[in-house]
């Protein structure tokens, strides 16, 4: 599950950077990589990643109810 999370997170970062490029320079990553079919594949992968993150976020995020970090053994009270 961690591998899926890392892939989807990476693709979401790429999607966010793409929106930044579009807003600042009126260009996008797909156009820089050749446009057309490549851009469509990138956009579909980013969209699927967003859906996967929405579906699995709560189980992956330690702040939203996911796995809790182990207590530090060296801090005994």
PDB file of N, CA and C in Angstrom:
ATOM      1  N   UNK A   1       0.814  -1.195   0.000  1.00  0.00           N
ATOM      2  CA  UNK A   1       0.000   0.000   0.000  1.00  0.00           C
ATOM      3  C   UNK A   1       0.860   1.263   0.000  1.00  0.00           C
ATOM      4  N   UNK A   2       2.040   1.190   0.644  1.00  0.00           N
ATOM      5  CA  UNK A   2       2.931   2.344   0.670  1.00  0.00           C
ATOM      6  C   UNK A   2       3.419   2.693  -0.734  1.00  0.00           C
ATOM      7  N   UNK A   3       3.690   1.658  -1.545  1.00  0.00           N
ATOM      8  CA  UNK A   3       4.139   1.906  -2.915  1.00  0.00           C
ATOM      9  C   UNK A   3       3.098   2.646  -3.729  1.00  0.00           C
ATOM     10  N   UNK A   4       1.836   2.229  -3.610  1.00  0.00           N
ATOM     11  CA  UNK A   4       0.748   2.910  -4.321  1.00  0.00           C
ATOM     12  C   UNK A   4       0.645   4.353  -3.853  1.00  0.00           C
ATOM     13  N   UNK A   5       0.759   4.557  -2.550  1.00  0.00           N
ATOM     14  CA  UNK A   5       0.684   5.919  -2.011  1.00  0.00           C
ATOM     15  C   UNK A   5       1.806   6.787  -2.575  1.00  0.00           C
ATOM     16  N   UNK A   6       3.015   6.262  -2.648  1.00  0.00           N
ATOM     17  CA  UNK A   6       4.141   7.054  -3.160  1.00  0.00           C
ATOM     18  C   UNK A   6       3.958   7.414  -4.632  1.00  0.00           C
ATOM     19  N   UNK A   7       3.453   6.463  -5.416  1.00  0.00           N
ATOM     20  CA  UNK A   7       3.220   6.731  -6.844  1.00  0.00           C
ATOM     21  C   UNK A   7       2.137   7.786  -7.019  1.00  0.00           C
ATOM     22  N   UNK A   8       1.014   7.614  -6.297  1.00  0.00           N
ATOM     23  CA  UNK A   8      -0.080   8.573  -6.445  1.00  0.00           C
ATOM     24  C   UNK A   8       0.323   9.948  -5.928  1.00  0.00           C
ATOM     25  N   UNK A   9       1.060   9.990  -4.830  1.00  0.00           N
ATOM     26  CA  UNK A   9       1.519  11.273  -4.299  1.00  0.00           C
ATOM     27  C   UNK A   9       2.426  11.975  -5.310  1.00  0.00           C
ATOM     28  N   UNK A  10       3.341  11.241  -5.906  1.00  0.00           N
ATOM     29  CA  UNK A  10       4.245  11.816  -6.906  1.00  0.00           C
ATOM     30  C   UNK A  10       3.469  12.374  -8.096  1.00  0.00           C
ATOM     31  N   UNK A  11       2.486  11.617  -8.570  1.00  0.00           N
ATOM     32  CA  UNK A  11       1.684  12.094  -9.698  1.00  0.00           C
ATOM     33  C   UNK A  11       0.848  13.312  -9.326  1.00  0.00           C
ATOM     34  N   UNK A  12       0.377  13.371  -8.085  1.00  0.00           N
ATOM     35  CA  UNK A  12      -0.363  14.557  -7.648  1.00  0.00           C
ATOM     36  C   UNK A  12       0.536  15.777  -7.567  1.00  0.00           C
ATOM     37  N   UNK A  13       1.791  15.595  -7.169  1.00  0.00           N
ATOM     38  CA  UNK A  13       2.744  16.708  -7.164  1.00  0.00           C
ATOM     39  C   UNK A  13       2.979  17.185  -8.597  1.00  0.00           C
ATOM     40  N   UNK A  14       3.134  16.251  -9.515  1.00  0.00           N
ATOM     41  CA  UNK A  14       3.309  16.619 -10.926  1.00  0.00           C
ATOM     42  C   UNK A  14       2.089  17.396 -11.422  1.00  0.00           C
ATOM     43  N   UNK A  15       0.896  16.939 -11.051  1.00  0.00           N
ATOM     44  CA  UNK A  15      -0.324  17.650 -11.448  1.00  0.00           C
ATOM     45  C   UNK A  15      -0.381  19.050 -10.865  1.00  0.00           C
ATOM     46  N   UNK A  16       0.021  19.192  -9.596  1.00  0.00           N
ATOM     47  CA  UNK A  16       0.032  20.516  -8.985  1.00  0.00           C
ATOM     48  C   UNK A  16       1.036  21.447  -9.644  1.00  0.00           C
ATOM     49  N   UNK A  17       2.208  20.915  -9.950  1.00  0.00           N
ATOM     50  CA  UNK A  17       3.212  21.728 -10.656  1.00  0.00           C
ATOM     51  C   UNK A  17       2.729  22.105 -12.054  1.00  0.00           C
ATOM     52  N   UNK A  18       1.991  21.208 -12.680  1.00  0.00           N
ATOM     53  CA  UNK A  18       1.433  21.503 -13.989  1.00  0.00           C
ATOM     54  C   UNK A  18       0.473  22.693 -13.908  1.00  0.00           C
ATOM     55  N   UNK A  19      -0.381  22.717 -12.887  1.00  0.00           N
ATOM     56  CA  UNK A  19      -1.296  23.849 -12.712  1.00  0.00           C
ATOM     57  C   UNK A  19      -0.515  25.137 -12.447  1.00  0.00           C
ATOM     58  N   UNK A  20       0.563  25.055 -11.693  1.00  0.00           N
ATOM     59  CA  UNK A  20       1.392  26.236 -11.440  1.00  0.00           C
ATOM     60  C   UNK A  20       1.998  26.763 -12.738  1.00  0.00           C
ATOM     61  N   UNK A  21       2.552  25.851 -13.544  1.00  0.00           N
ATOM     62  CA  UNK A  21       3.114  26.267 -14.838  1.00  0.00           C
ATOM     63  C   UNK A  21       2.057  26.897 -15.730  1.00  0.00           C
ATOM     64  N   UNK A  22       0.876  26.311 -15.708  1.00  0.00           N
ATOM     65  CA  UNK A  22      -0.211  26.837 -16.539  1.00  0.00           C
ATOM     66  C   UNK A  22      -0.606  28.236 -16.077  1.00  0.00           C
ATOM     67  N   UNK A  23      -0.707  28.438 -14.765  1.00  0.00           N
ATOM     68  CA  UNK A  23      -1.116  29.741 -14.245  1.00  0.00           C
ATOM     69  C   UNK A  23      -0.066  30.822 -14.479  1.00  0.00           C
ATOM     70  N   UNK A  24       1.207  30.468 -14.312  1.00  0.00           N
ATOM     71  CA  UNK A  24       2.255  31.474 -14.424  1.00  0.00           C
ATOM     72  C   UNK A  24       2.732  31.718 -15.848  1.00  0.00           C
ATOM     73  N   UNK A  25       2.818  30.643 -16.633  1.00  0.00           N
ATOM     74  CA  UNK A  25       3.438  30.766 -17.951  1.00  0.00           C
ATOM     75  C   UNK A  25       2.544  30.330 -19.107  1.00  0.00           C
ATOM     76  N   UNK A  26       1.295  29.971 -18.812  1.00  0.00           N
ATOM     77  CA  UNK A  26       0.334  29.525 -19.818  1.00  0.00           C
ATOM     78  C   UNK A  26       0.867  28.351 -20.643  1.00  0.00           C
ATOM     79  N   UNK A  27       1.550  27.441 -19.982  1.00  0.00           N
ATOM     80  CA  UNK A  27       2.029  26.226 -20.614  1.00  0.00           C
ATOM     81  C   UNK A  27       1.799  25.072 -19.651  1.00  0.00           C
ATOM     82  N   UNK A  28       1.962  23.853 -20.118  1.00  0.00           N
ATOM     83  CA  UNK A  28       1.770  22.714 -19.234  1.00  0.00           C
ATOM     84  C   UNK A  28       2.797  21.628 -19.536  1.00  0.00           C
ATOM     85  N   UNK A  29       2.926  20.691 -18.599  1.00  0.00           N
ATOM     86  CA  UNK A  29       3.917  19.629 -18.714  1.00  0.00           C
ATOM     87  C   UNK A  29       3.669  18.774 -19.951  1.00  0.00           C
ATOM     88  N   UNK A  30       2.415  18.494 -20.232  1.00  0.00           N
ATOM     89  CA  UNK A  30       2.088  17.684 -21.408  1.00  0.00           C
ATOM     90  C   UNK A  30       2.577  18.325 -22.695  1.00  0.00           C
ATOM     91  N   UNK A  31       2.430  19.630 -22.805  1.00  0.00           N
ATOM     92  CA  UNK A  31       2.900  20.337 -24.004  1.00  0.00           C
ATOM     93  C   UNK A  31       4.414  20.307 -24.088  1.00  0.00           C
ATOM     94  N   UNK A  32       5.085  20.394 -22.923  1.00  0.00           N
ATOM     95  CA  UNK A  32       6.544  20.353 -22.929  1.00  0.00           C
ATOM     96  C   UNK A  32       7.076  18.988 -23.343  1.00  0.00           C
ATOM     97  N   UNK A  33       6.286  17.924 -23.075  1.00  0.00           N
ATOM     98  CA  UNK A  33       6.710  16.564 -23.414  1.00  0.00           C
ATOM     99  C   UNK A  33       6.227  16.110 -24.790  1.00  0.00           C
ATOM    100  N   UNK A  34       5.668  16.994 -25.547  1.00  0.00           N
ATOM    101  CA  UNK A  34       5.259  16.634 -26.889  1.00  0.00           C
ATOM    102  C   UNK A  34       3.774  16.760 -27.157  1.00  0.00           C
ATOM    103  N   UNK A  35       2.980  16.943 -26.113  1.00  0.00           N
ATOM    104  CA  UNK A  35       1.546  17.140 -26.282  1.00  0.00           C
ATOM    105  C   UNK A  35       0.839  15.896 -26.800  1.00  0.00           C
ATOM    106  N   UNK A  36      -0.376  16.068 -27.251  1.00  0.00           N
ATOM    107  CA  UNK A  36      -1.153  14.979 -27.841  1.00  0.00           C
ATOM    108  C   UNK A  36      -1.398  13.824 -26.895  1.00  0.00           C
ATOM    109  N   UNK A  37      -1.043  12.623 -27.342  1.00  0.00           N
ATOM    110  CA  UNK A  37      -1.293  11.404 -26.589  1.00  0.00           C
ATOM    111  C   UNK A  37      -0.545  11.344 -25.273  1.00  0.00           C
ATOM    112  N   UNK A  38       0.671  11.869 -25.244  1.00  0.00           N
ATOM    113  CA  UNK A  38       1.454  11.859 -24.006  1.00  0.00           C
ATOM    114  C   UNK A  38       0.763  12.716 -22.946  1.00  0.00           C
ATOM    115  N   UNK A  39       0.290  13.873 -23.342  1.00  0.00           N
ATOM    116  CA  UNK A  39      -0.403  14.752 -22.399  1.00  0.00           C
ATOM    117  C   UNK A  39      -1.656  14.082 -21.868  1.00  0.00           C
ATOM    118  N   UNK A  40      -2.394  13.414 -22.716  1.00  0.00           N
ATOM    119  CA  UNK A  40      -3.609  12.728 -22.293  1.00  0.00           C
ATOM    120  C   UNK A  40      -3.289  11.633 -21.279  1.00  0.00           C
ATOM    121  N   UNK A  41      -2.249  10.872 -21.519  1.00  0.00           N
ATOM    122  CA  UNK A  41      -1.854   9.812 -20.580  1.00  0.00           C
ATOM    123  C   UNK A  41      -1.473  10.428 -19.233  1.00  0.00           C
ATOM    124  N   UNK A  42      -0.716  11.507 -19.243  1.00  0.00           N
ATOM    125  CA  UNK A  42      -0.321  12.177 -18.001  1.00  0.00           C
ATOM    126  C   UNK A  42      -1.553  12.643 -17.238  1.00  0.00           C
ATOM    127  N   UNK A  43      -2.485  13.282 -17.928  1.00  0.00           N
ATOM    128  CA  UNK A  43      -3.678  13.796 -17.271  1.00  0.00           C
ATOM    129  C   UNK A  43      -4.537  12.673 -16.707  1.00  0.00           C
ATOM    130  N   UNK A  44      -4.660  11.571 -17.429  1.00  0.00           N
ATOM    131  CA  UNK A  44      -5.443  10.426 -16.946  1.00  0.00           C
ATOM    132  C   UNK A  44      -4.775   9.823 -15.708  1.00  0.00           C
ATOM    133  N   UNK A  45      -3.454   9.662 -15.722  1.00  0.00           N
ATOM    134  CA  UNK A  45      -2.746   9.112 -14.568  1.00  0.00           C
ATOM    135  C   UNK A  45      -2.869  10.016 -13.344  1.00  0.00           C
ATOM    136  N   UNK A  46      -2.781  11.321 -13.535  1.00  0.00           N
ATOM    137  CA  UNK A  46      -2.936  12.253 -12.421  1.00  0.00           C
ATOM    138  C   UNK A  46      -4.358  12.182 -11.873  1.00  0.00           C
ATOM    139  N   UNK A  47      -5.358  12.095 -12.736  1.00  0.00           N
ATOM    140  CA  UNK A  47      -6.745  11.984 -12.299  1.00  0.00           C
ATOM    141  C   UNK A  47      -7.011  10.702 -11.534  1.00  0.00           C
ATOM    142  N   UNK A  48      -6.494   9.587 -12.025  1.00  0.00           N
ATOM    143  CA  UNK A  48      -6.646   8.299 -11.328  1.00  0.00           C
ATOM    144  C   UNK A  48      -5.926   8.352  -9.976  1.00  0.00           C
ATOM    145  N   UNK A  49      -4.783   9.004  -9.929  1.00  0.00           N
ATOM    146  CA  UNK A  49      -4.050   9.149  -8.672  1.00  0.00           C
ATOM    147  C   UNK A  49      -4.857   9.945  -7.654  1.00  0.00           C
ATOM    148  N   UNK A  50      -5.512  10.985  -8.113  1.00  0.00           N
ATOM    149  CA  UNK A  50      -6.339  11.781  -7.205  1.00  0.00           C
ATOM    150  C   UNK A  50      -7.476  10.938  -6.632  1.00  0.00           C
ATOM    151  N   UNK A  51      -8.110  10.139  -7.463  1.00  0.00           N
ATOM    152  CA  UNK A  51      -9.185   9.262  -6.989  1.00  0.00           C
ATOM    153  C   UNK A  51      -8.646   8.245  -5.991  1.00  0.00           C
ATOM    154  N   UNK A  52      -7.495   7.668  -6.288  1.00  0.00           N
ATOM    155  CA  UNK A  52      -6.901   6.682  -5.380  1.00  0.00           C
ATOM    156  C   UNK A  52      -6.532   7.314  -4.046  1.00  0.00           C
ATOM    157  N   UNK A  53      -5.994   8.517  -4.065  1.00  0.00           N
ATOM    158  CA  UNK A  53      -5.642   9.198  -2.813  1.00  0.00           C
ATOM    159  C   UNK A  53      -6.875   9.543  -2.002  1.00  0.00           C
ATOM    160  N   UNK A  54      -7.938   9.977  -2.653  1.00  0.00           N
ATOM    161  CA  UNK A  54      -9.179  10.275  -1.935  1.00  0.00           C
ATOM    162  C   UNK A  54      -9.716   9.005  -1.275  1.00  0.00           C
ATOM    163  N   UNK A  55      -9.644   7.897  -1.988  1.00  0.00           N
ATOM    164  CA  UNK A  55     -10.185   6.633  -1.483  1.00  0.00           C
ATOM    165  C   UNK A  55      -9.338   6.053  -0.353  1.00  0.00           C
ATOM    166  N   UNK A  56      -8.032   6.293  -0.353  1.00  0.00           N
ATOM    167  CA  UNK A  56      -7.154   5.646   0.626  1.00  0.00           C
ATOM    168  C   UNK A  56      -6.509   6.624   1.608  1.00  0.00           C
ATOM    169  N   UNK A  57      -6.832   7.883   1.511  1.00  0.00           N
ATOM    170  CA  UNK A  57      -6.144   8.895   2.318  1.00  0.00           C
ATOM    171  C   UNK A  57      -6.252   8.635   3.813  1.00  0.00           C
ATOM    172  N   UNK A  58      -7.438   8.345   4.290  1.00  0.00           N
ATOM    173  CA  UNK A  58      -7.625   8.200   5.732  1.00  0.00           C
ATOM    174  C   UNK A  58      -6.789   7.062   6.304  1.00  0.00           C
ATOM    175  N   UNK A  59      -6.627   5.996   5.558  1.00  0.00           N
ATOM    176  CA  UNK A  59      -5.827   4.878   6.063  1.00  0.00           C
ATOM    177  C   UNK A  59      -4.327   5.141   5.952  1.00  0.00           C
ATOM    178  N   UNK A  60      -3.908   6.063   5.097  1.00  0.00           N
ATOM    179  CA  UNK A  60      -2.486   6.372   4.918  1.00  0.00           C
ATOM    180  C   UNK A  60      -2.008   7.534   5.769  1.00  0.00           C
ATOM    181  N   UNK A  61      -2.895   8.410   6.167  1.00  0.00           N
ATOM    182  CA  UNK A  61      -2.504   9.649   6.836  1.00  0.00           C
ATOM    183  C   UNK A  61      -2.550   9.492   8.347  1.00  0.00           C
ATOM    184  N   UNK A  62      -1.431   9.739   9.001  1.00  0.00           N
ATOM    185  CA  UNK A  62      -1.371   9.591  10.456  1.00  0.00           C
ATOM    186  C   UNK A  62      -2.193  10.673  11.157  1.00  0.00           C
ATOM    187  N   UNK A  63      -2.483  11.771  10.503  1.00  0.00           N
ATOM    188  CA  UNK A  63      -3.284  12.836  11.101  1.00  0.00           C
ATOM    189  C   UNK A  63      -4.786  12.607  10.928  1.00  0.00           C
ATOM    190  N   UNK A  64      -5.166  11.755   9.979  1.00  0.00           N
ATOM    191  CA  UNK A  64      -6.586  11.529   9.690  1.00  0.00           C
ATOM    192  C   UNK A  64      -7.074  10.157  10.134  1.00  0.00           C
ATOM    193  N   UNK A  65      -6.339   9.477  10.942  1.00  0.00           N
ATOM    194  CA  UNK A  65      -6.799   8.192  11.460  1.00  0.00           C
ATOM    195  C   UNK A  65      -6.043   6.998  10.941  1.00  0.00           C
ATOM    196  N   UNK A  66      -4.957   7.208  10.240  1.00  0.00           N
ATOM    197  CA  UNK A  66      -4.152   6.112   9.716  1.00  0.00           C
ATOM    198  C   UNK A  66      -3.270   5.518  10.791  1.00  0.00           C
ATOM    199  N   UNK A  67      -2.265   4.774  10.391  1.00  0.00           N
ATOM    200  CA  UNK A  67      -1.381   4.135  11.360  1.00  0.00           C
ATOM    201  C   UNK A  67      -0.684   5.169  12.236  1.00  0.00           C
ATOM    202  N   UNK A  68      -0.669   4.893  13.512  1.00  0.00           N
ATOM    203  CA  UNK A  68      -0.028   5.797  14.467  1.00  0.00           C
ATOM    204  C   UNK A  68       1.454   5.451  14.569  1.00  0.00           C
ATOM    205  N   UNK A  69       2.314   6.463  14.730  1.00  0.00           N
ATOM    206  CA  UNK A  69       3.745   6.176  14.891  1.00  0.00           C
ATOM    207  C   UNK A  69       3.981   5.443  16.207  1.00  0.00           C
ATOM    208  N   UNK A  70       4.979   4.588  16.199  1.00  0.00           N
ATOM    209  CA  UNK A  70       5.307   3.835  17.406  1.00  0.00           C
ATOM    210  C   UNK A  70       5.865   4.789  18.461  1.00  0.00           C
ATOM    211  N   UNK A  71       5.553   4.511  19.719  1.00  0.00           N
ATOM    212  CA  UNK A  71       6.049   5.339  20.816  1.00  0.00           C
ATOM    213  C   UNK A  71       7.560   5.171  20.935  1.00  0.00           C
ATOM    214  N   UNK A  72       8.216   6.233  21.292  1.00  0.00           N
ATOM    215  CA  UNK A  72       9.659   6.187  21.474  1.00  0.00           C
ATOM    216  C   UNK A  72       9.976   5.459  22.770  1.00  0.00           C
ATOM    217  N   UNK A  73      10.648   4.346  22.686  1.00  0.00           N
ATOM    218  CA  UNK A  73      10.940   3.493  23.837  1.00  0.00           C
ATOM    219  C   UNK A  73      11.868   4.197  24.817  1.00  0.00           C
ATOM    220  N   UNK A  74      12.712   5.097  24.320  1.00  0.00           N
ATOM    221  CA  UNK A  74      13.689   5.740  25.193  1.00  0.00           C
ATOM    222  C   UNK A  74      13.049   6.767  26.135  1.00  0.00           C
ATOM    223  N   UNK A  75      11.812   7.147  25.903  1.00  0.00           N
ATOM    224  CA  UNK A  75      11.141   8.131  26.745  1.00  0.00           C
ATOM    225  C   UNK A  75      10.211   7.429  27.722  1.00  0.00           C
ATOM    226  N   UNK A  76      10.758   6.868  28.769  1.00  0.00           N
ATOM    227  CA  UNK A  76       9.962   6.190  29.788  1.00  0.00           C
ATOM    228  C   UNK A  76       9.556   7.197  30.851  1.00  0.00           C
ATOM    229  N   UNK A  77       8.335   7.077  31.312  1.00  0.00           N
ATOM    230  CA  UNK A  77       7.861   8.005  32.350  1.00  0.00           C
ATOM    231  C   UNK A  77       7.838   7.363  33.697  1.00  0.00           C
TER     232      UNK A  77
END
